[in-house]
Protein backbone atom coordinates (compact mmCIF):
# COMPACT_ATOMS: atom_id res chain seq x y z
CA UNK A 1 -115.02 70.78 -144.44
CA UNK A 2 -115.67 74.52 -145.01
CA UNK A 3 -111.88 75.20 -145.28
CA UNK A 4 -111.44 72.45 -147.79
CA UNK A 5 -114.26 73.90 -150.00
CA UNK A 6 -112.76 77.37 -149.76
CA UNK A 7 -109.29 76.10 -150.79
CA UNK A 8 -110.80 74.36 -153.81
CA UNK A 9 -112.66 77.44 -154.90
CA UNK A 10 -109.65 79.65 -154.36
CA UNK A 11 -107.50 77.29 -156.53
CA UNK A 12 -110.25 77.25 -159.18
CA UNK A 13 -110.50 81.03 -159.28
CA UNK A 14 -106.76 81.36 -159.45
CA UNK A 15 -106.46 78.90 -162.35
CA UNK A 16 -109.45 80.54 -164.05
CA UNK A 17 -107.73 83.94 -164.01
CA UNK A 18 -105.13 82.43 -166.26
CA UNK A 19 -107.79 81.28 -168.74
CA UNK A 20 -107.50 83.43 -171.86
CA UNK A 21 -110.96 84.03 -173.24
CA UNK A 22 -112.36 85.78 -176.32
CA UNK A 23 -115.94 86.89 -175.74
CA UNK A 24 -118.40 87.33 -178.62
CA UNK A 25 -121.69 89.02 -177.99
CA UNK A 26 -123.80 92.07 -179.05
CA UNK A 27 -127.03 92.99 -177.17
CA UNK A 28 -127.65 93.92 -173.59
CA UNK A 29 -128.51 90.40 -172.59
CA UNK A 30 -124.89 89.45 -173.32
CA UNK A 31 -123.43 92.05 -170.94
CA UNK A 32 -123.90 90.15 -167.62
CA UNK A 33 -121.86 87.25 -169.07
CA UNK A 34 -119.04 89.53 -170.15
CA UNK A 35 -119.02 91.23 -166.71
CA UNK A 36 -118.84 87.82 -164.98
CA UNK A 37 -115.90 86.75 -167.21
CA UNK A 38 -114.05 90.08 -166.63
CA UNK A 39 -114.14 89.30 -162.92
CA UNK A 40 -113.10 85.63 -163.22
CA UNK A 41 -110.97 85.07 -166.34
CA UNK A 42 -108.58 86.94 -168.58
CA UNK A 43 -110.68 88.42 -171.36
CA UNK A 44 -108.16 89.05 -174.08
CA UNK A 45 -110.59 90.45 -176.64
CA UNK A 46 -114.27 91.16 -177.33
CA UNK A 47 -115.94 90.69 -180.66
CA UNK A 48 -119.24 92.44 -181.24
CA UNK A 49 -121.48 93.66 -184.11
CA UNK A 50 -120.58 96.84 -186.06
CA UNK A 51 -122.14 100.14 -185.03
CA UNK A 52 -125.52 100.68 -186.66
CA UNK A 53 -127.70 103.72 -187.38
CA UNK A 54 -130.53 104.07 -184.89
CA UNK A 55 -133.22 106.56 -183.95
CA UNK A 56 -135.01 109.10 -186.04
CA UNK A 57 -131.74 110.87 -186.89
CA UNK A 58 -130.07 107.58 -187.71
CA UNK A 59 -127.04 108.33 -185.60
CA UNK A 60 -124.46 105.49 -185.39
CA UNK A 61 -125.00 103.52 -182.13
CA UNK A 62 -122.62 101.05 -180.52
CA UNK A 63 -123.83 97.72 -179.18
CA UNK A 64 -124.40 97.20 -175.47
CA UNK A 65 -121.41 94.86 -175.36
CA UNK A 66 -119.12 97.33 -177.03
CA UNK A 67 -120.06 100.00 -174.55
CA UNK A 68 -119.47 97.60 -171.62
CA UNK A 69 -116.22 96.37 -173.02
CA UNK A 70 -115.02 99.96 -173.63
CA UNK A 71 -115.66 100.83 -170.00
CA UNK A 72 -113.12 98.12 -169.05
CA UNK A 73 -110.65 99.16 -171.80
CA UNK A 74 -110.77 95.79 -173.43
CA UNK A 75 -109.56 95.13 -176.96
CA UNK A 76 -112.65 95.35 -179.27
CA UNK A 77 -113.16 93.94 -182.76
CA UNK A 78 -116.23 94.65 -184.96
CA UNK A 79 -115.85 92.64 -188.21
CA UNK A 80 -118.87 92.21 -190.46
CA UNK A 81 -117.82 88.60 -190.86
CA UNK A 82 -115.44 86.13 -189.23
CA UNK A 83 -114.59 84.35 -192.56
CA UNK A 84 -111.70 86.49 -193.65
CA UNK A 85 -108.13 85.19 -193.37
CA UNK A 86 -107.08 88.35 -191.50
CA UNK A 87 -109.69 87.72 -188.77
CA UNK A 88 -108.65 84.08 -188.44
CA UNK A 89 -105.05 85.17 -188.00
CA UNK A 90 -106.03 87.82 -185.50
CA UNK A 91 -107.81 85.22 -183.44
CA UNK A 92 -104.78 82.91 -183.58
CA UNK A 93 -102.50 85.76 -182.41
CA UNK A 94 -104.69 86.26 -179.37
CA UNK A 95 -103.94 82.68 -178.34
CA UNK A 96 -107.31 82.02 -176.61
CA UNK A 97 -107.84 78.99 -174.42
CA UNK A 98 -111.58 79.42 -174.99
CA UNK A 99 -114.12 81.37 -177.10
CA UNK A 100 -117.49 82.13 -175.56
CA UNK A 101 -120.41 83.38 -177.60
CA UNK A 102 -123.70 84.90 -176.31
CA UNK A 103 -126.12 86.31 -178.85
CA UNK A 104 -123.27 87.44 -181.04
CA UNK A 105 -125.23 87.63 -184.31
CA UNK A 106 -122.58 86.25 -186.65
CA UNK A 107 -121.84 82.64 -187.55
CA UNK A 108 -118.49 81.47 -186.17
CA UNK A 109 -116.74 79.34 -188.87
CA UNK A 110 -115.18 76.00 -188.10
CA UNK A 111 -111.63 77.17 -188.50
CA UNK A 112 -112.13 79.68 -185.64
CA UNK A 113 -114.24 77.26 -183.48
CA UNK A 114 -111.26 74.91 -183.33
CA UNK A 115 -108.58 77.42 -182.48
CA UNK A 116 -108.80 77.41 -178.64
CA UNK A 117 -107.68 74.32 -176.74
CA UNK A 118 -111.10 74.19 -175.02
CA UNK A 119 -112.83 74.97 -178.35
CA UNK A 120 -115.82 77.42 -178.58
CA UNK A 121 -118.88 77.35 -176.40
CA UNK A 122 -122.22 79.06 -176.74
CA UNK A 123 -125.00 80.18 -174.34
CA UNK A 124 -128.46 79.50 -175.78
CA UNK A 125 -131.71 80.57 -174.21
CA UNK A 126 -133.71 77.36 -174.44
CA UNK A 127 -133.48 73.72 -173.29
CA UNK A 128 -131.77 72.25 -176.39
CA UNK A 129 -132.53 70.44 -178.58
CA UNK A 130 -135.80 72.35 -178.29
CA UNK A 131 -136.01 75.74 -179.91
CA UNK A 132 -132.93 75.85 -181.96
CA UNK A 133 -132.68 79.17 -183.82
CA UNK A 134 -132.69 82.90 -183.44
CA UNK A 135 -135.79 83.51 -181.29
CA UNK A 136 -136.18 80.71 -178.68
CA UNK A 137 -137.56 82.95 -175.91
CA UNK A 138 -140.31 84.32 -178.15
CA UNK A 139 -141.46 81.03 -179.59
CA UNK A 140 -141.50 79.16 -176.27
CA UNK A 141 -144.09 81.65 -175.00
CA UNK A 142 -146.11 81.75 -178.21
CA UNK A 143 -146.33 77.95 -178.20
CA UNK A 144 -147.59 77.90 -174.65
CA UNK A 145 -144.70 75.93 -173.02
CA UNK A 146 -144.59 75.90 -169.22
CA UNK A 147 -140.85 75.69 -168.84
CA UNK A 148 -137.71 76.66 -170.61
CA UNK A 149 -134.07 77.22 -169.61
CA UNK A 150 -130.48 77.94 -170.63
CA UNK A 151 -128.09 75.53 -172.36
CA UNK A 152 -124.34 75.84 -172.78
CA UNK A 153 -122.92 73.74 -175.58
CA UNK A 154 -119.92 73.32 -177.85
CA UNK A 155 -120.32 75.19 -181.19
CA UNK A 156 -120.35 73.07 -184.26
CA UNK A 157 -120.88 73.67 -188.00
CA UNK A 158 -124.68 73.05 -187.59
CA UNK A 159 -126.70 75.71 -185.82
CA UNK A 160 -127.30 75.00 -182.10
CA UNK A 161 -126.53 71.29 -182.62
CA UNK A 162 -123.34 70.82 -180.64
CA UNK A 163 -122.86 68.61 -177.57
CA UNK A 164 -124.34 69.95 -174.36
CA UNK A 165 -122.03 70.99 -171.48
CA UNK A 166 -124.62 72.16 -168.98
CA UNK A 167 -128.32 73.25 -168.79
CA UNK A 168 -130.67 74.66 -166.21
CA UNK A 169 -134.44 74.84 -166.17
CA UNK A 170 -136.85 77.67 -165.27
CA UNK A 171 -140.62 77.90 -165.07
CA UNK A 172 -142.53 80.23 -167.40
CA UNK A 173 -145.14 82.23 -165.50
CA UNK A 174 -148.38 83.46 -167.03
CA UNK A 175 -147.20 86.99 -166.18
CA UNK A 176 -144.05 86.66 -168.22
CA UNK A 177 -143.52 88.14 -171.69
CA UNK A 178 -140.49 87.69 -173.88
CA UNK A 179 -138.74 90.65 -172.31
CA UNK A 180 -139.14 89.63 -168.66
CA UNK A 181 -138.42 85.98 -169.37
CA UNK A 182 -135.17 86.82 -171.17
CA UNK A 183 -134.09 88.94 -168.18
CA UNK A 184 -134.62 85.83 -165.92
CA UNK A 185 -132.81 83.60 -168.34
CA UNK A 186 -129.80 85.94 -168.40
CA UNK A 187 -129.37 85.60 -164.65
CA UNK A 188 -129.82 81.87 -164.87
CA UNK A 189 -127.39 81.77 -167.80
CA UNK A 190 -124.50 83.16 -165.73
CA UNK A 191 -124.85 80.23 -163.39
CA UNK A 192 -124.85 77.86 -166.35
CA UNK A 193 -121.68 79.47 -167.58
CA UNK A 194 -120.03 79.11 -164.15
CA UNK A 195 -120.72 75.40 -164.04
CA UNK A 196 -119.67 74.96 -167.67
CA UNK A 197 -116.23 76.47 -167.06
CA UNK A 198 -115.69 73.91 -164.29
CA UNK A 199 -116.79 71.01 -166.51
CA UNK A 200 -114.79 71.84 -169.67
CA UNK A 201 -111.54 71.84 -167.76
CA UNK A 202 -112.23 68.47 -166.29
CA UNK A 203 -110.46 65.84 -168.35
CA UNK A 204 -113.04 63.20 -167.28
CA UNK A 205 -116.00 65.26 -168.37
CA UNK A 206 -118.18 63.95 -171.21
CA UNK A 207 -120.66 66.33 -172.87
CA UNK A 208 -124.17 65.08 -173.79
CA UNK A 209 -125.13 64.62 -177.47
CA UNK A 210 -128.43 66.20 -178.53
CA UNK A 211 -131.35 63.92 -179.40
CA UNK A 212 -132.22 64.84 -183.06
CA UNK A 213 -135.67 63.41 -182.57
CA UNK A 214 -136.47 66.10 -180.03
CA UNK A 215 -135.50 69.04 -182.13
CA UNK A 216 -137.87 72.02 -182.58
CA UNK A 217 -137.20 75.27 -184.38
CA UNK A 218 -137.24 78.91 -183.24
CA UNK A 219 -136.90 80.89 -186.53
CA UNK A 220 -135.95 84.53 -186.81
CA UNK A 221 -138.93 86.79 -186.18
CA UNK A 222 -140.56 88.81 -188.97
CA UNK A 223 -142.97 91.73 -188.71
CA UNK A 224 -145.81 89.58 -190.14
CA UNK A 225 -145.50 87.15 -187.25
CA UNK A 226 -147.25 89.73 -185.05
CA UNK A 227 -150.59 89.69 -186.91
CA UNK A 228 -153.39 88.50 -184.66
CA UNK A 229 -155.79 85.91 -186.03
CA UNK A 230 -158.98 86.35 -183.99
CA UNK A 231 -160.33 82.90 -184.93
CA UNK A 232 -157.60 81.46 -182.66
CA UNK A 233 -158.46 80.62 -179.05
CA UNK A 234 -158.09 83.30 -176.34
CA UNK A 235 -155.14 81.34 -174.94
CA UNK A 236 -153.37 81.41 -178.33
CA UNK A 237 -153.90 85.11 -178.70
CA UNK A 238 -152.76 85.74 -175.15
CA UNK A 239 -149.53 83.80 -175.73
CA UNK A 240 -148.89 85.58 -178.96
CA UNK A 241 -149.18 89.04 -177.43
CA UNK A 242 -146.74 88.06 -174.63
CA UNK A 243 -144.32 86.22 -176.86
CA UNK A 244 -143.96 88.93 -179.39
CA UNK A 245 -143.39 91.77 -176.95
CA UNK A 246 -141.64 94.10 -177.43
CA UNK A 247 -140.85 93.14 -181.06
CA UNK A 248 -142.42 92.59 -183.58
CA UNK A 249 -145.34 93.27 -181.13
CA UNK A 250 -148.84 91.91 -181.86
CA UNK A 251 -151.16 93.95 -183.95
CA UNK A 252 -154.55 93.93 -185.62
CA UNK A 253 -156.42 96.19 -188.03
CA UNK A 254 -159.31 98.53 -187.41
CA UNK A 255 -161.46 99.71 -190.41
CA UNK A 256 -162.12 103.41 -189.71
CA UNK A 257 -164.00 105.98 -191.77
CA UNK A 258 -160.88 107.20 -193.51
CA UNK A 259 -158.67 104.10 -193.79
CA UNK A 260 -157.60 100.77 -192.32
CA UNK A 261 -155.50 101.45 -189.22
CA UNK A 262 -152.91 99.21 -187.49
CA UNK A 263 -153.45 98.82 -183.77
CA UNK A 264 -150.78 97.28 -181.51
CA UNK A 265 -152.05 95.29 -178.51
CA UNK A 266 -150.51 95.15 -175.00
CA UNK A 267 -151.25 93.79 -171.48
CA UNK A 268 -153.64 90.95 -172.29
CA UNK A 269 -155.79 89.02 -169.80
CA UNK A 270 -157.92 85.97 -170.71
CA UNK A 271 -161.64 85.92 -169.99
CA UNK A 272 -162.44 82.24 -169.47
CA UNK A 273 -166.01 82.51 -170.64
CA UNK A 274 -167.31 81.47 -174.09
CA UNK A 275 -169.20 84.32 -175.68
CA UNK A 276 -171.96 83.08 -178.03
CA UNK A 277 -173.50 84.84 -181.04
CA UNK A 278 -170.43 87.06 -181.91
CA UNK A 279 -167.81 86.94 -184.60
CA UNK A 280 -164.07 86.64 -183.85
CA UNK A 281 -162.52 90.10 -183.47
CA UNK A 282 -165.74 91.78 -182.31
CA UNK A 283 -165.50 94.23 -179.38
CA UNK A 284 -167.75 92.72 -176.67
CA UNK A 285 -167.21 95.35 -174.06
CA UNK A 286 -165.20 98.28 -172.77
CA UNK A 287 -164.01 98.76 -169.21
CA UNK A 288 -162.22 101.63 -167.61
CA UNK A 289 -160.17 99.17 -165.48
CA UNK A 290 -159.70 96.19 -167.95
CA UNK A 291 -159.71 97.87 -171.34
CA UNK A 292 -161.28 96.28 -174.42
CA UNK A 293 -162.87 92.84 -174.39
CA UNK A 294 -162.49 91.10 -177.78
CA UNK A 295 -164.09 87.90 -178.97
CA UNK A 296 -161.71 85.12 -180.05
CA UNK A 297 -162.37 81.80 -181.87
CA UNK A 298 -162.96 80.34 -178.44
CA UNK A 299 -163.34 82.56 -175.45
CA UNK A 300 -162.45 86.21 -175.24
CA UNK A 301 -159.50 88.38 -174.12
CA UNK A 302 -159.18 91.75 -172.37
CA UNK A 303 -156.66 94.13 -173.98
CA UNK A 304 -155.72 96.70 -171.41
CA UNK A 305 -153.50 98.94 -173.53
CA UNK A 306 -153.38 99.71 -177.25
CA UNK A 307 -151.37 101.84 -179.71
CA UNK A 308 -152.69 103.26 -182.90
CA UNK A 309 -149.96 103.62 -185.58
CA UNK A 310 -148.27 106.93 -185.26
CA UNK A 311 -149.61 107.51 -181.70
CA UNK A 312 -148.52 106.80 -178.15
CA UNK A 313 -149.66 103.79 -176.11
CA UNK A 314 -152.99 104.52 -174.27
CA UNK A 315 -155.43 102.45 -172.24
CA UNK A 316 -158.22 100.69 -174.04
CA UNK A 317 -160.69 102.92 -172.29
CA UNK A 318 -158.87 106.06 -173.47
CA UNK A 319 -158.90 104.57 -176.97
CA UNK A 320 -162.71 104.27 -176.72
CA UNK A 321 -163.11 107.83 -175.38
CA UNK A 322 -161.18 109.15 -178.32
CA UNK A 323 -163.89 107.58 -180.49
CA UNK A 324 -161.41 105.13 -181.97
CA UNK A 325 -163.46 102.13 -181.00
CA UNK A 326 -166.87 101.14 -179.58
CA UNK A 327 -168.74 97.99 -178.60
CA UNK A 328 -169.77 96.10 -181.68
CA UNK A 329 -166.78 97.24 -183.80
CA UNK A 330 -164.71 94.44 -185.32
CA UNK A 331 -160.94 94.12 -185.46
CA UNK A 332 -159.95 92.74 -188.92
């Protein structure tokens, strides 16, 4: 039995090596997928976002995918859009069997989606049809879901609405934030891609249509999303701080003697005790070990680390010692 399985896998890998694939991706989370494909298929080209200015000196910085692709001497394209006739012709000349996108950042038009014989597939970091959109990992935490996953589906003209090829589920732990959860989903996603490559080449495979009645949205994040509303419950505040880390981060305001200051909040921990006689946002206590205890609309929450605008991240206790905050002060 073992020998039969090995022969099947060997044949699959041999056939896969002939699969001509165009990969489209941009951030670091896309790199493990590219590396898997480099080992298992023929990556004929990589499309990624254009270099952008970054840092204080605004030096041009290449995407993580461009850096990875360059280290393997792959052919790289960085168009600002895929709509031009020249780009379409270039894709046609590459004669791909399949296009795979992972957090590419540009819409793939229909006339490119349909070029490969196996069409174009996408890896999405949620259990579709839930959390269609640009920020599924953030919103699934903010909304307090207990599970999420990775879905591979066929691209279509509507965003994240194509037929599902494969999906796998993962538990969201209380200790997870958007950054750590995305790392876990990236590992899981490579397994989803492996299974999807098997399925799309099977002539008897039938993808699953998405249930439009189950659709939820995960819109692109804006800076204002990070503002903490202290009249919310401690659980809601806790989820928001985790879900919006590292960007846009969660922040509040502190009315100081000279001006209103922005304070970013990190490392939350819920205190499951209702504090009476205090207003939401009031500092109830300060601990060297736990940080700053803040009253919420229901319950309270410990904030271990904070960052005043223009300063480095410090512990809540250090923030107190610097006379930035004391018990009885109120976050706006």
